[in-house]
Amino acid sequence: MTPIDKAIKAIGSQKKLADALGVSPQFINQIKRRGGELTTDKVTPEQWVKVTGLSVKELFPQFAKLI
């Protein structure tokens, strides 16, 4: 399961996630299409964590060794 899939599952739907983050559903869909790794271009890691309730390690596994 990719980080975006985990985030969507935690909140219930792509639309709910987009609304909670203040981005468009298309932004969420674009992340899914690009492999599911979360971006910090429009949303900070702190926002992803706060909205989903998931850990930084779950959402950003590529940085887990740095944390």
Protein backbone atom coordinates (compact mmCIF):
# COMPACT_ATOMS: atom_id res chain seq x y z
CA MET A 1 0.00 0.00 0.00
CA THR A 2 1.43 3.37 -1.02
CA PRO A 3 1.56 6.39 1.28
CA ILE A 4 -1.29 8.09 -0.59
CA ASP A 5 -3.40 4.94 -0.32
CA LYS A 6 -2.76 4.88 3.45
CA ALA A 7 -3.72 8.54 3.73
CA ILE A 8 -6.93 8.02 1.74
CA LYS A 9 -7.85 4.96 3.81
CA ALA A 10 -7.20 6.86 7.06
CA ILE A 11 -9.58 9.67 6.12
CA GLY A 12 -12.17 7.79 4.09
CA SER A 13 -12.00 9.07 0.51
CA GLN A 14 -9.92 11.06 -1.95
CA LYS A 15 -12.40 13.94 -1.79
CA LYS A 16 -12.38 14.06 2.02
CA LEU A 17 -8.57 14.01 2.01
CA ALA A 18 -8.39 16.79 -0.56
CA ASP A 19 -10.90 18.91 1.38
CA ALA A 20 -9.06 18.38 4.68
CA LEU A 21 -5.73 19.36 3.10
CA GLY A 22 -7.16 22.32 1.18
CA VAL A 23 -6.19 20.94 -2.22
CA SER A 24 -8.15 19.69 -5.21
CA PRO A 25 -9.19 16.06 -5.68
CA GLN A 26 -7.16 16.22 -8.91
CA PHE A 27 -4.03 16.88 -6.83
CA ILE A 28 -4.66 13.68 -4.86
CA ASN A 29 -5.35 11.74 -8.06
CA GLN A 30 -2.13 13.07 -9.59
CA ILE A 31 -0.14 11.73 -6.62
CA LYS A 32 -1.79 8.32 -7.10
CA ARG A 33 -0.95 8.30 -10.81
CA ARG A 34 2.68 9.19 -10.11
CA GLY A 35 3.26 6.18 -7.88
CA GLY A 36 1.74 7.22 -4.56
CA GLU A 37 4.69 8.98 -2.93
CA LEU A 38 3.51 12.07 -1.10
CA THR A 39 4.71 15.46 -2.19
CA THR A 40 5.44 18.46 -0.02
CA ASP A 41 4.95 20.99 -2.84
CA LYS A 42 1.53 22.16 -1.64
CA VAL A 43 1.15 20.30 1.65
CA THR A 44 3.72 20.18 4.44
CA PRO A 45 4.64 16.90 6.13
CA GLU A 46 3.08 18.28 9.31
CA GLN A 47 -0.24 18.84 7.50
CA TRP A 48 -0.21 15.29 6.10
CA VAL A 49 0.38 13.91 9.61
CA LYS A 50 -2.22 16.13 11.30
CA VAL A 51 -4.97 15.39 8.77
CA THR A 52 -4.42 11.63 8.50
CA GLY A 53 -3.27 10.79 12.01
CA LEU A 54 -0.54 8.63 10.49
CA SER A 55 3.13 8.81 11.40
CA VAL A 56 5.81 10.51 9.31
CA LYS A 57 7.40 7.08 8.83
CA GLU A 58 4.19 5.72 7.31
CA LEU A 59 3.63 8.72 5.08
CA PHE A 60 7.24 9.38 4.07
CA PRO A 61 9.04 6.01 4.17
CA GLN A 62 11.80 7.42 1.94
CA PHE A 63 12.85 9.65 4.88
CA ALA A 64 12.34 7.09 7.66
CA LYS A 65 16.08 6.53 8.07
CA LEU A 66 16.64 10.26 8.54
CA ILE A 67 14.08 10.60 11.34
